[in-house]
Amino acid sequence: MLNLSYIIQDMKDTQTNTKRTEERRNRFTGESIMLTKEEANKHDEIFSHELQATLEDRELGIGCSKHWQYMRDKLSWFMKHNAKAYMVLLD
């Protein structure tokens, strides 16, 4: 039987953009991990929503900003799709 698994793996990487090319670092520990572009964008959005929520809470009261939920949704996505990156960067 002819083994073509090496071809299928290469096709998968180019079709689903699973190449990890973006490095992100934990702001407290300094530990880093490589992410895909999609993961890196979601990681950056988490901190963007955190900043927006913190600023909005100054006017509305602590915990009132809608951005906290957006941040939690992105954190949940990371827990489900890349638990290792979640543990390194966000836990």
PDB file of N, CA and C in Angstrom:
ATOM      1  N   MET A   1       0.850  -1.176   0.000  1.00  0.00           N
ATOM      2  CA  MET A   1       0.000   0.000   0.000  1.00  0.00           C
ATOM      3  C   MET A   1       0.895   1.239   0.000  1.00  0.00           C
ATOM      4  N   LEU A   2       0.487   2.232  -0.732  1.00  0.00           N
ATOM      5  CA  LEU A   2       1.242   3.463  -0.873  1.00  0.00           C
ATOM      6  C   LEU A   2       0.881   4.435   0.258  1.00  0.00           C
ATOM      7  N   ASN A   3       1.865   4.931   0.979  1.00  0.00           N
ATOM      8  CA  ASN A   3       1.632   5.858   2.084  1.00  0.00           C
ATOM      9  C   ASN A   3       1.725   7.299   1.581  1.00  0.00           C
ATOM     10  N   LEU A   4       0.612   8.011   1.595  1.00  0.00           N
ATOM     11  CA  LEU A   4       0.564   9.408   1.148  1.00  0.00           C
ATOM     12  C   LEU A   4       0.244  10.364   2.300  1.00  0.00           C
ATOM     13  N   SER A   5       0.383   9.903   3.523  1.00  0.00           N
ATOM     14  CA  SER A   5       0.013  10.730   4.672  1.00  0.00           C
ATOM     15  C   SER A   5       0.827  12.019   4.753  1.00  0.00           C
ATOM     16  N   TYR A   6       2.068  11.987   4.295  1.00  0.00           N
ATOM     17  CA  TYR A   6       2.891  13.200   4.332  1.00  0.00           C
ATOM     18  C   TYR A   6       2.330  14.287   3.408  1.00  0.00           C
ATOM     19  N   ILE A   7       1.681  13.913   2.331  1.00  0.00           N
ATOM     20  CA  ILE A   7       1.069  14.889   1.418  1.00  0.00           C
ATOM     21  C   ILE A   7      -0.180  15.488   2.038  1.00  0.00           C
ATOM     22  N   ILE A   8      -0.992  14.659   2.625  1.00  0.00           N
ATOM     23  CA  ILE A   8      -2.233  15.141   3.234  1.00  0.00           C
ATOM     24  C   ILE A   8      -1.920  16.119   4.348  1.00  0.00           C
ATOM     25  N   GLN A   9      -0.921  15.857   5.157  1.00  0.00           N
ATOM     26  CA  GLN A   9      -0.546  16.779   6.235  1.00  0.00           C
ATOM     27  C   GLN A   9      -0.137  18.138   5.677  1.00  0.00           C
ATOM     28  N   ASP A  10       0.659  18.158   4.606  1.00  0.00           N
ATOM     29  CA  ASP A  10       1.057  19.418   3.991  1.00  0.00           C
ATOM     30  C   ASP A  10      -0.143  20.169   3.459  1.00  0.00           C
ATOM     31  N   MET A  11      -1.085  19.467   2.840  1.00  0.00           N
ATOM     32  CA  MET A  11      -2.282  20.109   2.320  1.00  0.00           C
ATOM     33  C   MET A  11      -3.105  20.692   3.455  1.00  0.00           C
ATOM     34  N   LYS A  12      -3.176  20.003   4.565  1.00  0.00           N
ATOM     35  CA  LYS A  12      -3.945  20.484   5.712  1.00  0.00           C
ATOM     36  C   LYS A  12      -3.372  21.800   6.220  1.00  0.00           C
ATOM     37  N   ASP A  13      -2.068  21.885   6.341  1.00  0.00           N
ATOM     38  CA  ASP A  13      -1.445  23.097   6.853  1.00  0.00           C
ATOM     39  C   ASP A  13      -1.725  24.308   5.970  1.00  0.00           C
ATOM     40  N   THR A  14      -1.694  24.134   4.660  1.00  0.00           N
ATOM     41  CA  THR A  14      -1.915  25.276   3.779  1.00  0.00           C
ATOM     42  C   THR A  14      -3.386  25.628   3.669  1.00  0.00           C
ATOM     43  N   GLN A  15      -4.262  24.662   3.798  1.00  0.00           N
ATOM     44  CA  GLN A  15      -5.686  24.943   3.642  1.00  0.00           C
ATOM     45  C   GLN A  15      -6.315  25.535   4.882  1.00  0.00           C
ATOM     46  N   THR A  16      -5.866  25.156   6.057  1.00  0.00           N
ATOM     47  CA  THR A  16      -6.518  25.637   7.283  1.00  0.00           C
ATOM     48  C   THR A  16      -5.700  26.692   8.015  1.00  0.00           C
ATOM     49  N   ASN A  17      -4.569  27.071   7.469  1.00  0.00           N
ATOM     50  CA  ASN A  17      -3.733  28.105   8.072  1.00  0.00           C
ATOM     51  C   ASN A  17      -3.364  27.749   9.516  1.00  0.00           C
ATOM     52  N   THR A  18      -2.861  26.538   9.732  1.00  0.00           N
ATOM     53  CA  THR A  18      -2.514  26.105  11.080  1.00  0.00           C
ATOM     54  C   THR A  18      -1.045  26.336  11.405  1.00  0.00           C
ATOM     55  N   LYS A  19      -0.349  27.061  10.579  1.00  0.00           N
ATOM     56  CA  LYS A  19       1.062  27.315  10.856  1.00  0.00           C
ATOM     57  C   LYS A  19       1.189  28.341  11.973  1.00  0.00           C
ATOM     58  N   ARG A  20       1.993  28.001  12.927  1.00  0.00           N
ATOM     59  CA  ARG A  20       2.180  28.866  14.096  1.00  0.00           C
ATOM     60  C   ARG A  20       3.352  29.808  13.822  1.00  0.00           C
ATOM     61  N   THR A  21       3.028  31.045  13.501  1.00  0.00           N
ATOM     62  CA  THR A  21       4.045  32.012  13.104  1.00  0.00           C
ATOM     63  C   THR A  21       4.092  33.240  14.007  1.00  0.00           C
ATOM     64  N   GLU A  22       3.139  33.351  14.932  1.00  0.00           N
ATOM     65  CA  GLU A  22       3.039  34.539  15.771  1.00  0.00           C
ATOM     66  C   GLU A  22       3.429  34.195  17.209  1.00  0.00           C
ATOM     67  N   GLU A  23       4.402  34.910  17.737  1.00  0.00           N
ATOM     68  CA  GLU A  23       4.811  34.661  19.122  1.00  0.00           C
ATOM     69  C   GLU A  23       4.088  35.626  20.053  1.00  0.00           C
ATOM     70  N   ARG A  24       3.593  35.098  21.160  1.00  0.00           N
ATOM     71  CA  ARG A  24       3.008  35.917  22.211  1.00  0.00           C
ATOM     72  C   ARG A  24       3.635  35.512  23.533  1.00  0.00           C
ATOM     73  N   ARG A  25       3.753  36.487  24.432  1.00  0.00           N
ATOM     74  CA  ARG A  25       4.449  36.280  25.700  1.00  0.00           C
ATOM     75  C   ARG A  25       3.506  36.619  26.860  1.00  0.00           C
ATOM     76  N   ASN A  26       3.572  35.826  27.917  1.00  0.00           N
ATOM     77  CA  ASN A  26       2.799  36.088  29.124  1.00  0.00           C
ATOM     78  C   ASN A  26       3.351  37.343  29.785  1.00  0.00           C
ATOM     79  N   ARG A  27       2.495  38.299  30.082  1.00  0.00           N
ATOM     80  CA  ARG A  27       2.956  39.592  30.619  1.00  0.00           C
ATOM     81  C   ARG A  27       3.476  39.495  32.046  1.00  0.00           C
ATOM     82  N   PHE A  28       3.152  38.424  32.757  1.00  0.00           N
ATOM     83  CA  PHE A  28       3.615  38.274  34.132  1.00  0.00           C
ATOM     84  C   PHE A  28       4.828  37.363  34.258  1.00  0.00           C
ATOM     85  N   THR A  29       4.832  36.244  33.521  1.00  0.00           N
ATOM     86  CA  THR A  29       5.910  35.263  33.668  1.00  0.00           C
ATOM     87  C   THR A  29       6.983  35.385  32.599  1.00  0.00           C
ATOM     88  N   GLY A  30       6.644  36.018  31.478  1.00  0.00           N
ATOM     89  CA  GLY A  30       7.590  36.127  30.377  1.00  0.00           C
ATOM     90  C   GLY A  30       7.652  34.883  29.498  1.00  0.00           C
ATOM     91  N   GLU A  31       6.903  33.843  29.855  1.00  0.00           N
ATOM     92  CA  GLU A  31       6.890  32.614  29.062  1.00  0.00           C
ATOM     93  C   GLU A  31       6.206  32.891  27.725  1.00  0.00           C
ATOM     94  N   SER A  32       6.742  32.318  26.641  1.00  0.00           N
ATOM     95  CA  SER A  32       6.168  32.588  25.321  1.00  0.00           C
ATOM     96  C   SER A  32       5.709  31.308  24.654  1.00  0.00           C
ATOM     97  N   ILE A  33       4.868  31.490  23.631  1.00  0.00           N
ATOM     98  CA  ILE A  33       4.349  30.371  22.852  1.00  0.00           C
ATOM     99  C   ILE A  33       4.030  30.894  21.452  1.00  0.00           C
ATOM    100  N   MET A  34       4.131  30.003  20.470  1.00  0.00           N
ATOM    101  CA  MET A  34       3.814  30.364  19.092  1.00  0.00           C
ATOM    102  C   MET A  34       2.332  30.096  18.830  1.00  0.00           C
ATOM    103  N   LEU A  35       1.687  31.039  18.123  1.00  0.00           N
ATOM    104  CA  LEU A  35       0.271  30.944  17.804  1.00  0.00           C
ATOM    105  C   LEU A  35       0.051  31.081  16.303  1.00  0.00           C
ATOM    106  N   THR A  36      -1.113  30.625  15.850  1.00  0.00           N
ATOM    107  CA  THR A  36      -1.517  30.899  14.475  1.00  0.00           C
ATOM    108  C   THR A  36      -1.969  32.357  14.410  1.00  0.00           C
ATOM    109  N   LYS A  37      -2.162  32.859  13.212  1.00  0.00           N
ATOM    110  CA  LYS A  37      -2.634  34.238  13.067  1.00  0.00           C
ATOM    111  C   LYS A  37      -3.991  34.427  13.743  1.00  0.00           C
ATOM    112  N   GLU A  38      -4.893  33.469  13.580  1.00  0.00           N
ATOM    113  CA  GLU A  38      -6.209  33.561  14.206  1.00  0.00           C
ATOM    114  C   GLU A  38      -6.089  33.603  15.729  1.00  0.00           C
ATOM    115  N   GLU A  39      -5.267  32.725  16.286  1.00  0.00           N
ATOM    116  CA  GLU A  39      -5.078  32.704  17.739  1.00  0.00           C
ATOM    117  C   GLU A  39      -4.447  34.002  18.229  1.00  0.00           C
ATOM    118  N   ALA A  40      -3.472  34.503  17.494  1.00  0.00           N
ATOM    119  CA  ALA A  40      -2.809  35.752  17.880  1.00  0.00           C
ATOM    120  C   ALA A  40      -3.800  36.917  17.873  1.00  0.00           C
ATOM    121  N   ASN A  41      -4.676  36.956  16.872  1.00  0.00           N
ATOM    122  CA  ASN A  41      -5.687  38.013  16.823  1.00  0.00           C
ATOM    123  C   ASN A  41      -6.632  37.928  18.010  1.00  0.00           C
ATOM    124  N   LYS A  42      -7.070  36.723  18.346  1.00  0.00           N
ATOM    125  CA  LYS A  42      -7.962  36.554  19.497  1.00  0.00           C
ATOM    126  C   LYS A  42      -7.243  36.918  20.796  1.00  0.00           C
ATOM    127  N   HIS A  43      -5.982  36.559  20.911  1.00  0.00           N
ATOM    128  CA  HIS A  43      -5.188  36.922  22.085  1.00  0.00           C
ATOM    129  C   HIS A  43      -5.136  38.446  22.233  1.00  0.00           C
ATOM    130  N   ASP A  44      -4.854  39.135  21.146  1.00  0.00           N
ATOM    131  CA  ASP A  44      -4.775  40.593  21.185  1.00  0.00           C
ATOM    132  C   ASP A  44      -6.131  41.216  21.506  1.00  0.00           C
ATOM    133  N   GLU A  45      -7.207  40.616  20.991  1.00  0.00           N
ATOM    134  CA  GLU A  45      -8.546  41.121  21.275  1.00  0.00           C
ATOM    135  C   GLU A  45      -8.889  40.996  22.758  1.00  0.00           C
ATOM    136  N   ILE A  46      -8.406  39.948  23.413  1.00  0.00           N
ATOM    137  CA  ILE A  46      -8.648  39.775  24.845  1.00  0.00           C
ATOM    138  C   ILE A  46      -8.137  40.994  25.609  1.00  0.00           C
ATOM    139  N   PHE A  47      -6.924  41.420  25.306  1.00  0.00           N
ATOM    140  CA  PHE A  47      -6.337  42.543  26.035  1.00  0.00           C
ATOM    141  C   PHE A  47      -6.940  43.875  25.610  1.00  0.00           C
ATOM    142  N   SER A  48      -7.385  43.957  24.374  1.00  0.00           N
ATOM    143  CA  SER A  48      -8.085  45.158  23.919  1.00  0.00           C
ATOM    144  C   SER A  48      -9.405  45.310  24.683  1.00  0.00           C
ATOM    145  N   HIS A  49     -10.157  44.218  24.799  1.00  0.00           N
ATOM    146  CA  HIS A  49     -11.421  44.264  25.539  1.00  0.00           C
ATOM    147  C   HIS A  49     -11.182  44.517  27.028  1.00  0.00           C
ATOM    148  N   GLU A  50     -10.109  43.975  27.566  1.00  0.00           N
ATOM    149  CA  GLU A  50      -9.803  44.226  28.977  1.00  0.00           C
ATOM    150  C   GLU A  50      -9.564  45.711  29.213  1.00  0.00           C
ATOM    151  N   LEU A  51      -8.800  46.334  28.342  1.00  0.00           N
ATOM    152  CA  LEU A  51      -8.531  47.773  28.467  1.00  0.00           C
ATOM    153  C   LEU A  51      -9.818  48.584  28.316  1.00  0.00           C
ATOM    154  N   GLN A  52     -10.604  48.266  27.296  1.00  0.00           N
ATOM    155  CA  GLN A  52     -11.858  48.988  27.078  1.00  0.00           C
ATOM    156  C   GLN A  52     -12.809  48.823  28.261  1.00  0.00           C
ATOM    157  N   ALA A  53     -12.885  47.617  28.814  1.00  0.00           N
ATOM    158  CA  ALA A  53     -13.767  47.353  29.953  1.00  0.00           C
ATOM    159  C   ALA A  53     -13.308  48.131  31.184  1.00  0.00           C
ATOM    160  N   THR A  54     -12.008  48.150  31.413  1.00  0.00           N
ATOM    161  CA  THR A  54     -11.471  48.879  32.565  1.00  0.00           C
ATOM    162  C   THR A  54     -11.792  50.362  32.464  1.00  0.00           C
ATOM    163  N   LEU A  55     -11.610  50.928  31.285  1.00  0.00           N
ATOM    164  CA  LEU A  55     -11.912  52.349  31.092  1.00  0.00           C
ATOM    165  C   LEU A  55     -13.406  52.629  31.211  1.00  0.00           C
ATOM    166  N   GLU A  56     -14.226  51.766  30.641  1.00  0.00           N
ATOM    167  CA  GLU A  56     -15.674  51.953  30.702  1.00  0.00           C
ATOM    168  C   GLU A  56     -16.198  51.788  32.118  1.00  0.00           C
ATOM    169  N   ASP A  57     -15.598  50.894  32.890  1.00  0.00           N
ATOM    170  CA  ASP A  57     -16.017  50.681  34.276  1.00  0.00           C
ATOM    171  C   ASP A  57     -15.804  51.917  35.143  1.00  0.00           C
ATOM    172  N   ARG A  58     -14.862  52.753  34.778  1.00  0.00           N
ATOM    173  CA  ARG A  58     -14.644  53.991  35.541  1.00  0.00           C
ATOM    174  C   ARG A  58     -15.869  54.894  35.503  1.00  0.00           C
ATOM    175  N   GLU A  59     -16.600  54.831  34.390  1.00  0.00           N
ATOM    176  CA  GLU A  59     -17.794  55.649  34.246  1.00  0.00           C
ATOM    177  C   GLU A  59     -19.051  54.920  34.724  1.00  0.00           C
ATOM    178  N   LEU A  60     -19.160  53.612  34.429  1.00  0.00           N
ATOM    179  CA  LEU A  60     -20.381  52.856  34.699  1.00  0.00           C
ATOM    180  C   LEU A  60     -20.391  52.164  36.059  1.00  0.00           C
ATOM    181  N   GLY A  61     -19.246  51.911  36.602  1.00  0.00           N
ATOM    182  CA  GLY A  61     -19.130  51.133  37.833  1.00  0.00           C
ATOM    183  C   GLY A  61     -18.444  49.810  37.533  1.00  0.00           C
ATOM    184  N   ILE A  62     -17.803  49.267  38.536  1.00  0.00           N
ATOM    185  CA  ILE A  62     -17.002  48.052  38.357  1.00  0.00           C
ATOM    186  C   ILE A  62     -17.863  46.883  37.901  1.00  0.00           C
ATOM    187  N   GLY A  63     -17.433  46.247  36.813  1.00  0.00           N
ATOM    188  CA  GLY A  63     -18.102  45.069  36.283  1.00  0.00           C
ATOM    189  C   GLY A  63     -19.277  45.350  35.366  1.00  0.00           C
ATOM    190  N   CYS A  64     -19.554  46.604  35.064  1.00  0.00           N
ATOM    191  CA  CYS A  64     -20.725  46.948  34.248  1.00  0.00           C
ATOM    192  C   CYS A  64     -20.448  46.970  32.743  1.00  0.00           C
ATOM    193  N   SER A  65     -19.209  47.010  32.349  1.00  0.00           N
ATOM    194  CA  SER A  65     -18.885  47.115  30.927  1.00  0.00           C
ATOM    195  C   SER A  65     -19.239  45.835  30.176  1.00  0.00           C
ATOM    196  N   LYS A  66     -19.780  46.006  28.976  1.00  0.00           N
ATOM    197  CA  LYS A  66     -20.107  44.867  28.110  1.00  0.00           C
ATOM    198  C   LYS A  66     -18.836  44.178  27.607  1.00  0.00           C
ATOM    199  N   HIS A  67     -17.704  44.864  27.679  1.00  0.00           N
ATOM    200  CA  HIS A  67     -16.449  44.305  27.165  1.00  0.00           C
ATOM    201  C   HIS A  67     -15.932  43.150  28.022  1.00  0.00           C
ATOM    202  N   TRP A  68     -16.346  43.051  29.271  1.00  0.00           N
ATOM    203  CA  TRP A  68     -15.931  41.908  30.091  1.00  0.00           C
ATOM    204  C   TRP A  68     -16.453  40.609  29.488  1.00  0.00           C
ATOM    205  N   GLN A  69     -17.700  40.629  28.996  1.00  0.00           N
ATOM    206  CA  GLN A  69     -18.259  39.414  28.400  1.00  0.00           C
ATOM    207  C   GLN A  69     -17.541  39.056  27.107  1.00  0.00           C
ATOM    208  N   TYR A  70     -17.213  40.062  26.298  1.00  0.00           N
ATOM    209  CA  TYR A  70     -16.463  39.800  25.071  1.00  0.00           C
ATOM    210  C   TYR A  70     -15.117  39.160  25.409  1.00  0.00           C
ATOM    211  N   MET A  71     -14.478  39.660  26.461  1.00  0.00           N
ATOM    212  CA  MET A  71     -13.193  39.110  26.886  1.00  0.00           C
ATOM    213  C   MET A  71     -13.361  37.654  27.347  1.00  0.00           C
ATOM    214  N   ARG A  72     -14.397  37.384  28.141  1.00  0.00           N
ATOM    215  CA  ARG A  72     -14.645  36.014  28.610  1.00  0.00           C
ATOM    216  C   ARG A  72     -14.925  35.065  27.443  1.00  0.00           C
ATOM    217  N   ASP A  73     -15.635  35.570  26.427  1.00  0.00           N
ATOM    218  CA  ASP A  73     -15.905  34.731  25.253  1.00  0.00           C
ATOM    219  C   ASP A  73     -14.611  34.337  24.545  1.00  0.00           C
ATOM    220  N   LYS A  74     -13.679  35.278  24.409  1.00  0.00           N
ATOM    221  CA  LYS A  74     -12.388  34.983  23.767  1.00  0.00           C
ATOM    222  C   LYS A  74     -11.571  34.017  24.635  1.00  0.00           C
ATOM    223  N   LEU A  75     -11.616  34.186  25.956  1.00  0.00           N
ATOM    224  CA  LEU A  75     -10.912  33.270  26.854  1.00  0.00           C
ATOM    225  C   LEU A  75     -11.475  31.851  26.722  1.00  0.00           C
ATOM    226  N   SER A  76     -12.790  31.751  26.638  1.00  0.00           N
ATOM    227  CA  SER A  76     -13.428  30.438  26.472  1.00  0.00           C
ATOM    228  C   SER A  76     -13.014  29.797  25.163  1.00  0.00           C
ATOM    229  N   TRP A  77     -12.917  30.611  24.109  1.00  0.00           N
ATOM    230  CA  TRP A  77     -12.479  30.085  22.820  1.00  0.00           C
ATOM    231  C   TRP A  77     -11.090  29.475  22.952  1.00  0.00           C
ATOM    232  N   PHE A  78     -10.184  30.184  23.650  1.00  0.00           N
ATOM    233  CA  PHE A  78      -8.823  29.674  23.833  1.00  0.00           C
ATOM    234  C   PHE A  78      -8.825  28.375  24.626  1.00  0.00           C
ATOM    235  N   MET A  79      -9.621  28.297  25.680  1.00  0.00           N
ATOM    236  CA  MET A  79      -9.675  27.075  26.484  1.00  0.00           C
ATOM    237  C   MET A  79     -10.094  25.886  25.625  1.00  0.00           C
ATOM    238  N   LYS A  80     -11.010  26.124  24.701  1.00  0.00           N
ATOM    239  CA  LYS A  80     -11.537  25.045  23.863  1.00  0.00           C
ATOM    240  C   LYS A  80     -10.594  24.681  22.718  1.00  0.00           C
ATOM    241  N   HIS A  81      -9.982  25.674  22.066  1.00  0.00           N
ATOM    242  CA  HIS A  81      -9.230  25.428  20.837  1.00  0.00           C
ATOM    243  C   HIS A  81      -7.714  25.304  21.019  1.00  0.00           C
ATOM    244  N   ASN A  82      -7.177  25.878  22.079  1.00  0.00           N
ATOM    245  CA  ASN A  82      -5.731  25.741  22.315  1.00  0.00           C
ATOM    246  C   ASN A  82      -5.478  25.866  23.820  1.00  0.00           C
ATOM    247  N   ALA A  83      -5.766  24.794  24.519  1.00  0.00           N
ATOM    248  CA  ALA A  83      -5.647  24.790  25.978  1.00  0.00           C
ATOM    249  C   ALA A  83      -4.222  25.068  26.435  1.00  0.00           C
ATOM    250  N   LYS A  84      -3.237  24.572  25.694  1.00  0.00           N
ATOM    251  CA  LYS A  84      -1.840  24.797  26.077  1.00  0.00           C
ATOM    252  C   LYS A  84      -1.509  26.293  26.047  1.00  0.00           C
ATOM    253  N   ALA A  85      -1.900  26.978  24.983  1.00  0.00           N
ATOM    254  CA  ALA A  85      -1.644  28.420  24.889  1.00  0.00           C
ATOM    255  C   ALA A  85      -2.400  29.164  25.980  1.00  0.00           C
ATOM    256  N   TYR A  86      -3.609  28.725  26.272  1.00  0.00           N
ATOM    257  CA  TYR A  86      -4.378  29.346  27.355  1.00  0.00           C
ATOM    258  C   TYR A  86      -3.614  29.248  28.674  1.00  0.00           C
ATOM    259  N   MET A  87      -3.094  28.058  28.964  1.00  0.00           N
ATOM    260  CA  MET A  87      -2.379  27.848  30.224  1.00  0.00           C
ATOM    261  C   MET A  87      -1.094  28.678  30.286  1.00  0.00           C
ATOM    262  N   VAL A  88      -0.405  28.806  29.192  1.00  0.00           N
ATOM    263  CA  VAL A  88       0.856  29.565  29.155  1.00  0.00           C
ATOM    264  C   VAL A  88       0.596  31.066  29.215  1.00  0.00           C
ATOM    265  N   LEU A  89      -0.370  31.553  28.433  1.00  0.00           N
ATOM    266  CA  LEU A  89      -0.538  32.989  28.254  1.00  0.00           C
ATOM    267  C   LEU A  89      -1.597  33.636  29.117  1.00  0.00           C
ATOM    268  N   LEU A  90      -2.657  32.917  29.433  1.00  0.00           N
ATOM    269  CA  LEU A  90      -3.841  33.586  29.971  1.00  0.00           C
ATOM    270  C   LEU A  90      -4.307  33.095  31.327  1.00  0.00           C
ATOM    271  N   ASP A  91      -3.825  31.955  31.780  1.00  0.00           N
ATOM    272  CA  ASP A  91      -4.298  31.400  33.045  1.00  0.00           C
ATOM    273  C   ASP A  91      -3.643  32.073  34.210  1.00  0.00           C
TER     274      ASP A  91
END
